[in-house]
């Protein structure tokens, strides 16, 4: 039963006719131009808390994106799918091709979900920040403010712009409430439970994750969080059984939050109304 302004699952936004969407091939082409920026963001921020942001190769100091004196690899090699320092050939940042494969797969999935193009632009902005955030959290268990805040601000703003272009205003209000609500819940666990609760980085990430899920309805917020918790718990059990982690260790939760949001976004574009 649907009451008030609540939408059926999957109808937070009505799929747009083909004529309303920008060229899908053009989007896939343009994303190739930002892949080096995503890899750079992941490499720069994958440092332990308290250390300065990375600006060069951890082995020889060659600046990111530059060729070394010997020219063993071409310029931009460290920001290319090769992920190798242009000077000494050491690996820099996430594994080779990992950032690129994840980014292209994410874009293709979002485009295929069939959401109206103003909403799609907000989702693409959000995903562009999520890619480096996931790799940073996996590498060093942190979610830097320099990535979480722009992700949230841009997502909220672009969803607001979508309302000005004809999307329902109640969806934006729900997105704001969901983003702030989930973030406040996570932050509260930090205040109450300390290190045993969620980190403040997770709370800041939830500002955008909650908004993205909230746009498509409260059922999607619950679904996304359920996927995150079940996924995190399942992986933890597997790693414990395999003796890869101890009971006292914590897994990075950011990647599971992002996974839950992606599942919600994709299902919202595919489930029939009613």
C-alpha atoms as a PDB file:
ATOM      1  CA  UNK A   1       0.000   0.000   0.000  1.00  0.00           C
ATOM      2  CA  UNK A   2       1.371   3.387  -0.971  1.00  0.00           C
ATOM      3  CA  UNK A   3       0.510   6.438   1.089  1.00  0.00           C
ATOM      4  CA  UNK A   4       1.341  10.139   0.876  1.00  0.00           C
ATOM      5  CA  UNK A   5       4.265  10.930  -1.357  1.00  0.00           C
ATOM      6  CA  UNK A   6       5.928   7.519  -0.947  1.00  0.00           C
ATOM      7  CA  UNK A   7       6.735   5.777  -4.207  1.00  0.00           C
ATOM      8  CA  UNK A   8       6.557   2.088  -5.034  1.00  0.00           C
ATOM      9  CA  UNK A   9       9.925   0.359  -4.926  1.00  0.00           C
ATOM     10  CA  UNK A  10      11.890   1.160  -8.017  1.00  0.00           C
ATOM     11  CA  UNK A  11       9.952   4.284  -8.892  1.00  0.00           C
ATOM     12  CA  UNK A  12      11.877   6.972  -6.997  1.00  0.00           C
ATOM     13  CA  UNK A  13      12.498   8.212 -10.511  1.00  0.00           C
ATOM     14  CA  UNK A  14      10.672   7.254 -13.670  1.00  0.00           C
ATOM     15  CA  UNK A  15      12.975   5.774 -16.338  1.00  0.00           C
ATOM     16  CA  UNK A  16      13.524   8.248 -19.099  1.00  0.00           C
ATOM     17  CA  UNK A  17      12.735   7.639 -22.719  1.00  0.00           C
ATOM     18  CA  UNK A  18      15.757   7.013 -24.859  1.00  0.00           C
ATOM     19  CA  UNK A  19      15.543  10.495 -26.297  1.00  0.00           C
ATOM     20  CA  UNK A  20      16.075  12.103 -22.893  1.00  0.00           C
ATOM     21  CA  UNK A  21      19.382  10.388 -22.192  1.00  0.00           C
ATOM     22  CA  UNK A  22      22.739  11.616 -23.460  1.00  0.00           C
ATOM     23  CA  UNK A  23      24.568   9.241 -25.792  1.00  0.00           C
ATOM     24  CA  UNK A  24      25.678   6.208 -23.841  1.00  0.00           C
ATOM     25  CA  UNK A  25      28.695   5.652 -26.067  1.00  0.00           C
ATOM     26  CA  UNK A  26      29.767   9.238 -25.423  1.00  0.00           C
ATOM     27  CA  UNK A  27      29.659   8.684 -21.673  1.00  0.00           C
ATOM     28  CA  UNK A  28      31.764   5.550 -21.931  1.00  0.00           C
ATOM     29  CA  UNK A  29      34.276   7.472 -24.026  1.00  0.00           C
ATOM     30  CA  UNK A  30      34.431  10.472 -21.702  1.00  0.00           C
ATOM     31  CA  UNK A  31      35.033   8.312 -18.652  1.00  0.00           C
ATOM     32  CA  UNK A  32      38.332   7.219 -20.182  1.00  0.00           C
ATOM     33  CA  UNK A  33      39.525  10.808 -19.855  1.00  0.00           C
ATOM     34  CA  UNK A  34      39.028  10.846 -16.078  1.00  0.00           C
ATOM     35  CA  UNK A  35      40.471   7.415 -15.306  1.00  0.00           C
ATOM     36  CA  UNK A  36      43.968   8.821 -14.629  1.00  0.00           C
ATOM     37  CA  UNK A  37      42.406  11.279 -12.155  1.00  0.00           C
ATOM     38  CA  UNK A  38      40.650   8.453 -10.317  1.00  0.00           C
ATOM     39  CA  UNK A  39      43.859   6.435 -10.126  1.00  0.00           C
ATOM     40  CA  UNK A  40      45.768   9.491  -8.929  1.00  0.00           C
ATOM     41  CA  UNK A  41      43.195  10.162  -6.197  1.00  0.00           C
ATOM     42  CA  UNK A  42      43.508   6.583  -4.980  1.00  0.00           C
ATOM     43  CA  UNK A  43      47.313   6.690  -5.011  1.00  0.00           C
ATOM     44  CA  UNK A  44      47.595  10.099  -3.319  1.00  0.00           C
ATOM     45  CA  UNK A  45      45.293   9.218  -0.424  1.00  0.00           C
ATOM     46  CA  UNK A  46      46.422   5.635   0.225  1.00  0.00           C
ATOM     47  CA  UNK A  47      48.683   6.570   3.123  1.00  0.00           C
ATOM     48  CA  UNK A  48      48.473   5.808   6.830  1.00  0.00           C
ATOM     49  CA  UNK A  49      46.807   8.370   9.122  1.00  0.00           C
ATOM     50  CA  UNK A  50      49.220  11.115  10.104  1.00  0.00           C
ATOM     51  CA  UNK A  51      51.387  10.749   7.004  1.00  0.00           C
ATOM     52  CA  UNK A  52      51.437  13.418   4.267  1.00  0.00           C
ATOM     53  CA  UNK A  53      49.535  12.740   1.086  1.00  0.00           C
ATOM     54  CA  UNK A  54      51.598  10.841  -1.461  1.00  0.00           C
ATOM     55  CA  UNK A  55      53.001  12.977  -4.251  1.00  0.00           C
ATOM     56  CA  UNK A  56      55.474  10.562  -5.793  1.00  0.00           C
ATOM     57  CA  UNK A  57      56.749   7.017  -6.005  1.00  0.00           C
ATOM     58  CA  UNK A  58      57.276   5.538  -2.519  1.00  0.00           C
ATOM     59  CA  UNK A  59      60.518   3.932  -3.695  1.00  0.00           C
ATOM     60  CA  UNK A  60      62.337   6.562  -5.767  1.00  0.00           C
ATOM     61  CA  UNK A  61      60.289   9.737  -5.266  1.00  0.00           C
ATOM     62  CA  UNK A  62      59.488  10.314  -8.939  1.00  0.00           C
ATOM     63  CA  UNK A  63      56.373  12.559  -9.031  1.00  0.00           C
ATOM     64  CA  UNK A  64      53.121  10.844  -9.903  1.00  0.00           C
ATOM     65  CA  UNK A  65      52.565  10.959 -13.639  1.00  0.00           C
ATOM     66  CA  UNK A  66      56.159  11.911 -14.454  1.00  0.00           C
ATOM     67  CA  UNK A  67      58.895   9.960 -16.189  1.00  0.00           C
ATOM     68  CA  UNK A  68      62.078   9.201 -14.298  1.00  0.00           C
ATOM     69  CA  UNK A  69      65.588  10.224 -15.365  1.00  0.00           C
ATOM     70  CA  UNK A  70      66.179   6.908 -17.048  1.00  0.00           C
ATOM     71  CA  UNK A  71      62.885   7.014 -18.888  1.00  0.00           C
ATOM     72  CA  UNK A  72      62.337   3.319 -18.210  1.00  0.00           C
ATOM     73  CA  UNK A  73      58.609   3.841 -18.649  1.00  0.00           C
ATOM     74  CA  UNK A  74      56.711   6.569 -20.512  1.00  0.00           C
ATOM     75  CA  UNK A  75      55.267   9.611 -18.717  1.00  0.00           C
ATOM     76  CA  UNK A  76      51.915   9.022 -17.011  1.00  0.00           C
ATOM     77  CA  UNK A  77      52.786   5.339 -16.487  1.00  0.00           C
ATOM     78  CA  UNK A  78      51.997   5.630 -12.777  1.00  0.00           C
ATOM     79  CA  UNK A  79      48.553   7.053 -13.602  1.00  0.00           C
ATOM     80  CA  UNK A  80      47.862   4.591 -16.404  1.00  0.00           C
ATOM     81  CA  UNK A  81      46.445   1.077 -16.029  1.00  0.00           C
ATOM     82  CA  UNK A  82      50.063  -0.118 -15.719  1.00  0.00           C
ATOM     83  CA  UNK A  83      50.280   1.505 -12.261  1.00  0.00           C
ATOM     84  CA  UNK A  84      54.075   1.628 -12.515  1.00  0.00           C
ATOM     85  CA  UNK A  85      56.456   4.412 -11.583  1.00  0.00           C
ATOM     86  CA  UNK A  86      57.913   6.086 -14.661  1.00  0.00           C
ATOM     87  CA  UNK A  87      61.325   6.125 -13.000  1.00  0.00           C
ATOM     88  CA  UNK A  88      61.957   2.818 -11.238  1.00  0.00           C
ATOM     89  CA  UNK A  89      59.043   0.665 -12.380  1.00  0.00           C
ATOM     90  CA  UNK A  90      57.705   0.038  -8.867  1.00  0.00           C
ATOM     91  CA  UNK A  91      53.963  -0.336  -8.447  1.00  0.00           C
ATOM     92  CA  UNK A  92      52.220   2.856  -7.353  1.00  0.00           C
ATOM     93  CA  UNK A  93      48.709   2.836  -5.912  1.00  0.00           C
ATOM     94  CA  UNK A  94      46.029   0.206  -6.614  1.00  0.00           C
ATOM     95  CA  UNK A  95      46.811  -2.935  -8.662  1.00  0.00           C
ATOM     96  CA  UNK A  96      47.178  -2.612 -12.439  1.00  0.00           C
ATOM     97  CA  UNK A  97      43.876  -2.192 -14.306  1.00  0.00           C
ATOM     98  CA  UNK A  98      41.834  -2.460 -11.068  1.00  0.00           C
ATOM     99  CA  UNK A  99      40.683   1.176 -10.961  1.00  0.00           C
ATOM    100  CA  UNK A 100      39.942   1.234 -14.656  1.00  0.00           C
ATOM    101  CA  UNK A 101      37.911  -1.985 -14.682  1.00  0.00           C
ATOM    102  CA  UNK A 102      35.862  -0.964 -11.636  1.00  0.00           C
ATOM    103  CA  UNK A 103      35.188   2.539 -12.995  1.00  0.00           C
ATOM    104  CA  UNK A 104      34.093   1.390 -16.448  1.00  0.00           C
ATOM    105  CA  UNK A 105      31.942  -1.390 -14.984  1.00  0.00           C
ATOM    106  CA  UNK A 106      30.297   1.067 -12.588  1.00  0.00           C
ATOM    107  CA  UNK A 107      29.518   3.539 -15.363  1.00  0.00           C
ATOM    108  CA  UNK A 108      28.123   0.848 -17.635  1.00  0.00           C
ATOM    109  CA  UNK A 109      25.917  -0.455 -14.820  1.00  0.00           C
ATOM    110  CA  UNK A 110      24.587   2.999 -13.946  1.00  0.00           C
ATOM    111  CA  UNK A 111      23.832   3.866 -17.557  1.00  0.00           C
ATOM    112  CA  UNK A 112      22.073   0.534 -18.083  1.00  0.00           C
ATOM    113  CA  UNK A 113      19.811   1.107 -15.050  1.00  0.00           C
ATOM    114  CA  UNK A 114      17.680   3.476 -17.136  1.00  0.00           C
ATOM    115  CA  UNK A 115      17.332   6.391 -14.723  1.00  0.00           C
ATOM    116  CA  UNK A 116      16.461   9.871 -16.094  1.00  0.00           C
ATOM    117  CA  UNK A 117      19.537  11.694 -17.312  1.00  0.00           C
ATOM    118  CA  UNK A 118      19.545  14.416 -14.603  1.00  0.00           C
ATOM    119  CA  UNK A 119      19.586  11.688 -11.955  1.00  0.00           C
ATOM    120  CA  UNK A 120      22.174   9.742 -13.929  1.00  0.00           C
ATOM    121  CA  UNK A 121      24.533  12.732 -13.851  1.00  0.00           C
ATOM    122  CA  UNK A 122      24.293  12.823 -10.052  1.00  0.00           C
ATOM    123  CA  UNK A 123      24.963   9.095  -9.879  1.00  0.00           C
ATOM    124  CA  UNK A 124      27.990   9.385 -12.153  1.00  0.00           C
ATOM    125  CA  UNK A 125      29.403  12.176  -9.978  1.00  0.00           C
ATOM    126  CA  UNK A 126      28.858  10.030  -6.899  1.00  0.00           C
ATOM    127  CA  UNK A 127      30.442   6.949  -8.473  1.00  0.00           C
ATOM    128  CA  UNK A 128      33.498   8.921  -9.598  1.00  0.00           C
ATOM    129  CA  UNK A 129      34.327   9.662  -5.950  1.00  0.00           C
ATOM    130  CA  UNK A 130      33.382   6.203  -4.711  1.00  0.00           C
ATOM    131  CA  UNK A 131      35.943   4.443  -6.904  1.00  0.00           C
ATOM    132  CA  UNK A 132      39.044   5.982  -5.255  1.00  0.00           C
ATOM    133  CA  UNK A 133      37.381   5.898  -1.825  1.00  0.00           C
ATOM    134  CA  UNK A 134      36.871   2.141  -2.054  1.00  0.00           C
ATOM    135  CA  UNK A 135      40.497   1.529  -3.002  1.00  0.00           C
ATOM    136  CA  UNK A 136      41.792   3.852  -0.284  1.00  0.00           C
ATOM    137  CA  UNK A 137      39.660   2.197   2.398  1.00  0.00           C
ATOM    138  CA  UNK A 138      40.765  -1.261   1.301  1.00  0.00           C
ATOM    139  CA  UNK A 139      44.415  -0.217   1.350  1.00  0.00           C
ATOM    140  CA  UNK A 140      44.712   1.829   4.553  1.00  0.00           C
ATOM    141  CA  UNK A 141      41.310   1.669   6.314  1.00  0.00           C
ATOM    142  CA  UNK A 142      40.510   5.347   5.992  1.00  0.00           C
ATOM    143  CA  UNK A 143      38.014   7.541   4.144  1.00  0.00           C
ATOM    144  CA  UNK A 144      39.584  10.994   3.683  1.00  0.00           C
ATOM    145  CA  UNK A 145      37.482  14.141   4.043  1.00  0.00           C
ATOM    146  CA  UNK A 146      38.977  15.389   0.777  1.00  0.00           C
ATOM    147  CA  UNK A 147      36.988  12.679  -1.009  1.00  0.00           C
ATOM    148  CA  UNK A 148      33.887  12.130   1.127  1.00  0.00           C
ATOM    149  CA  UNK A 149      32.832  15.782   1.401  1.00  0.00           C
ATOM    150  CA  UNK A 150      32.960  16.602  -2.339  1.00  0.00           C
ATOM    151  CA  UNK A 151      31.117  13.352  -3.036  1.00  0.00           C
ATOM    152  CA  UNK A 152      28.282  14.341  -0.699  1.00  0.00           C
ATOM    153  CA  UNK A 153      28.119  18.008  -1.690  1.00  0.00           C
ATOM    154  CA  UNK A 154      28.070  17.294  -5.411  1.00  0.00           C
ATOM    155  CA  UNK A 155      25.563  14.474  -5.113  1.00  0.00           C
ATOM    156  CA  UNK A 156      23.138  16.570  -3.082  1.00  0.00           C
ATOM    157  CA  UNK A 157      23.540  19.544  -5.429  1.00  0.00           C
ATOM    158  CA  UNK A 158      23.065  17.532  -8.614  1.00  0.00           C
ATOM    159  CA  UNK A 159      20.022  15.748  -7.231  1.00  0.00           C
ATOM    160  CA  UNK A 160      18.663  19.186  -6.338  1.00  0.00           C
ATOM    161  CA  UNK A 161      19.324  20.331  -9.890  1.00  0.00           C
ATOM    162  CA  UNK A 162      17.440  17.270 -11.125  1.00  0.00           C
ATOM    163  CA  UNK A 163      14.384  18.567  -9.248  1.00  0.00           C
ATOM    164  CA  UNK A 164      14.682  21.876 -11.098  1.00  0.00           C
ATOM    165  CA  UNK A 165      14.694  19.894 -14.339  1.00  0.00           C
ATOM    166  CA  UNK A 166      11.435  18.153 -13.535  1.00  0.00           C
ATOM    167  CA  UNK A 167      12.250  15.330 -11.125  1.00  0.00           C
ATOM    168  CA  UNK A 168      10.035  15.003  -8.004  1.00  0.00           C
ATOM    169  CA  UNK A 169      10.958  17.303  -5.125  1.00  0.00           C
ATOM    170  CA  UNK A 170       9.913  14.784  -2.486  1.00  0.00           C
ATOM    171  CA  UNK A 171      12.652  12.452  -3.725  1.00  0.00           C
ATOM    172  CA  UNK A 172      15.288  15.118  -2.994  1.00  0.00           C
ATOM    173  CA  UNK A 173      13.879  15.787   0.472  1.00  0.00           C
ATOM    174  CA  UNK A 174      13.932  12.075   1.201  1.00  0.00           C
ATOM    175  CA  UNK A 175      17.528  11.872  -0.051  1.00  0.00           C
ATOM    176  CA  UNK A 176      18.624  14.659   2.300  1.00  0.00           C
ATOM    177  CA  UNK A 177      16.864  13.083   5.272  1.00  0.00           C
ATOM    178  CA  UNK A 178      18.305   9.655   4.499  1.00  0.00           C
ATOM    179  CA  UNK A 179      21.835  10.988   4.024  1.00  0.00           C
ATOM    180  CA  UNK A 180      21.871  12.978   7.243  1.00  0.00           C
ATOM    181  CA  UNK A 181      20.021  10.265   9.158  1.00  0.00           C
ATOM    182  CA  UNK A 182      22.340   7.401   8.244  1.00  0.00           C
ATOM    183  CA  UNK A 183      25.388   9.608   8.804  1.00  0.00           C
ATOM    184  CA  UNK A 184      24.106  10.646  12.237  1.00  0.00           C
ATOM    185  CA  UNK A 185      23.443   7.017  13.150  1.00  0.00           C
ATOM    186  CA  UNK A 186      26.976   5.988  12.229  1.00  0.00           C
ATOM    187  CA  UNK A 187      28.492   8.969  14.036  1.00  0.00           C
ATOM    188  CA  UNK A 188      26.480   8.108  17.149  1.00  0.00           C
ATOM    189  CA  UNK A 189      28.027   4.639  17.269  1.00  0.00           C
ATOM    190  CA  UNK A 190      31.452   6.276  17.306  1.00  0.00           C
ATOM    191  CA  UNK A 191      30.495   8.492  20.239  1.00  0.00           C
ATOM    192  CA  UNK A 192      28.882   5.641  22.181  1.00  0.00           C
ATOM    193  CA  UNK A 193      31.141   2.691  21.380  1.00  0.00           C
ATOM    194  CA  UNK A 194      34.399   4.406  20.434  1.00  0.00           C
ATOM    195  CA  UNK A 195      36.697   2.230  18.330  1.00  0.00           C
ATOM    196  CA  UNK A 196      34.112  -0.574  18.362  1.00  0.00           C
ATOM    197  CA  UNK A 197      31.614   1.599  16.483  1.00  0.00           C
ATOM    198  CA  UNK A 198      31.735   2.915  12.948  1.00  0.00           C
ATOM    199  CA  UNK A 199      34.465   5.384  12.108  1.00  0.00           C
ATOM    200  CA  UNK A 200      33.680   9.011  11.403  1.00  0.00           C
ATOM    201  CA  UNK A 201      34.871   8.377   7.863  1.00  0.00           C
ATOM    202  CA  UNK A 202      32.035   5.888   7.425  1.00  0.00           C
ATOM    203  CA  UNK A 203      29.599   8.506   8.740  1.00  0.00           C
ATOM    204  CA  UNK A 204      30.841  11.063   6.214  1.00  0.00           C
ATOM    205  CA  UNK A 205      30.628   8.505   3.430  1.00  0.00           C
ATOM    206  CA  UNK A 206      27.039   7.815   4.486  1.00  0.00           C
ATOM    207  CA  UNK A 207      26.113  11.416   3.649  1.00  0.00           C
ATOM    208  CA  UNK A 208      26.259  10.550  -0.041  1.00  0.00           C
ATOM    209  CA  UNK A 209      25.416   6.842   0.172  1.00  0.00           C
ATOM    210  CA  UNK A 210      22.265   7.541   2.182  1.00  0.00           C
ATOM    211  CA  UNK A 211      21.242  10.311  -0.206  1.00  0.00           C
ATOM    212  CA  UNK A 212      21.636   8.114  -3.266  1.00  0.00           C
ATOM    213  CA  UNK A 213      19.554   5.354  -1.704  1.00  0.00           C
ATOM    214  CA  UNK A 214      17.025   7.776  -0.237  1.00  0.00           C
ATOM    215  CA  UNK A 215      16.285   9.279  -3.640  1.00  0.00           C
ATOM    216  CA  UNK A 216      14.761   5.961  -4.693  1.00  0.00           C
ATOM    217  CA  UNK A 217      12.678   5.380  -1.561  1.00  0.00           C
ATOM    218  CA  UNK A 218      12.935   4.176   2.027  1.00  0.00           C
ATOM    219  CA  UNK A 219      12.828   0.494   1.027  1.00  0.00           C
ATOM    220  CA  UNK A 220      16.024   1.062  -0.951  1.00  0.00           C
ATOM    221  CA  UNK A 221      17.696   2.677   2.062  1.00  0.00           C
ATOM    222  CA  UNK A 222      16.926  -0.407   4.121  1.00  0.00           C
ATOM    223  CA  UNK A 223      17.972  -2.733   1.314  1.00  0.00           C
ATOM    224  CA  UNK A 224      21.275  -0.951   0.763  1.00  0.00           C
ATOM    225  CA  UNK A 225      22.163  -1.046   4.455  1.00  0.00           C
ATOM    226  CA  UNK A 226      21.131  -4.694   4.660  1.00  0.00           C
ATOM    227  CA  UNK A 227      23.411  -5.579   1.753  1.00  0.00           C
ATOM    228  CA  UNK A 228      26.265  -3.685   3.418  1.00  0.00           C
ATOM    229  CA  UNK A 229      25.883  -5.405   6.783  1.00  0.00           C
ATOM    230  CA  UNK A 230      25.285  -8.880   5.389  1.00  0.00           C
ATOM    231  CA  UNK A 231      28.161  -8.532   2.935  1.00  0.00           C
ATOM    232  CA  UNK A 232      30.542  -7.285   5.594  1.00  0.00           C
ATOM    233  CA  UNK A 233      29.528 -10.011   8.032  1.00  0.00           C
ATOM    234  CA  UNK A 234      29.774 -12.742   5.418  1.00  0.00           C
ATOM    235  CA  UNK A 235      33.254 -11.713   4.319  1.00  0.00           C
ATOM    236  CA  UNK A 236      34.365 -11.446   7.952  1.00  0.00           C
ATOM    237  CA  UNK A 237      33.189 -14.991   8.679  1.00  0.00           C
ATOM    238  CA  UNK A 238      34.995 -16.364   5.629  1.00  0.00           C
ATOM    239  CA  UNK A 239      38.231 -14.586   6.573  1.00  0.00           C
ATOM    240  CA  UNK A 240      37.956 -15.772  10.172  1.00  0.00           C
ATOM    241  CA  UNK A 241      37.448 -19.376   9.108  1.00  0.00           C
ATOM    242  CA  UNK A 242      40.405 -19.060   6.738  1.00  0.00           C
ATOM    243  CA  UNK A 243      42.429 -17.502   9.589  1.00  0.00           C
ATOM    244  CA  UNK A 244      43.194 -14.435   7.532  1.00  0.00           C
ATOM    245  CA  UNK A 245      41.989 -12.081  10.263  1.00  0.00           C
ATOM    246  CA  UNK A 246      41.515 -12.220  14.038  1.00  0.00           C
ATOM    247  CA  UNK A 247      38.389 -11.553  16.089  1.00  0.00           C
ATOM    248  CA  UNK A 248      39.807  -8.221  17.203  1.00  0.00           C
ATOM    249  CA  UNK A 249      40.399  -6.966  13.653  1.00  0.00           C
ATOM    250  CA  UNK A 250      37.916  -4.803  11.775  1.00  0.00           C
ATOM    251  CA  UNK A 251      37.216  -4.857   8.071  1.00  0.00           C
ATOM    252  CA  UNK A 252      36.884  -1.595   6.148  1.00  0.00           C
ATOM    253  CA  UNK A 253      33.151  -0.943   5.930  1.00  0.00           C
ATOM    254  CA  UNK A 254      33.218   1.701   3.195  1.00  0.00           C
ATOM    255  CA  UNK A 255      33.361  -0.743   0.259  1.00  0.00           C
ATOM    256  CA  UNK A 256      30.323  -2.605   1.597  1.00  0.00           C
ATOM    257  CA  UNK A 257      28.368   0.637   1.993  1.00  0.00           C
ATOM    258  CA  UNK A 258      29.129   1.510  -1.611  1.00  0.00           C
ATOM    259  CA  UNK A 259      28.162  -1.994  -2.726  1.00  0.00           C
ATOM    260  CA  UNK A 260      24.827  -1.687  -0.943  1.00  0.00           C
ATOM    261  CA  UNK A 261      24.157   1.641  -2.644  1.00  0.00           C
ATOM    262  CA  UNK A 262      25.007   0.249  -6.073  1.00  0.00           C
ATOM    263  CA  UNK A 263      22.661  -2.701  -5.545  1.00  0.00           C
ATOM    264  CA  UNK A 264      19.875  -0.317  -4.523  1.00  0.00           C
ATOM    265  CA  UNK A 265      20.435   1.970  -7.506  1.00  0.00           C
ATOM    266  CA  UNK A 266      20.407  -0.917  -9.970  1.00  0.00           C
ATOM    267  CA  UNK A 267      17.314  -2.545  -8.489  1.00  0.00           C
ATOM    268  CA  UNK A 268      15.475   0.781  -8.386  1.00  0.00           C
ATOM    269  CA  UNK A 269      15.918   1.068 -12.135  1.00  0.00           C
ATOM    270  CA  UNK A 270      14.705  -2.454 -12.840  1.00  0.00           C
ATOM    271  CA  UNK A 271      11.864  -3.273 -10.448  1.00  0.00           C
ATOM    272  CA  UNK A 272       8.386  -2.697 -11.914  1.00  0.00           C
ATOM    273  CA  UNK A 273       6.033  -0.197 -10.346  1.00  0.00           C
ATOM    274  CA  UNK A 274       3.508  -1.489  -7.851  1.00  0.00           C
END
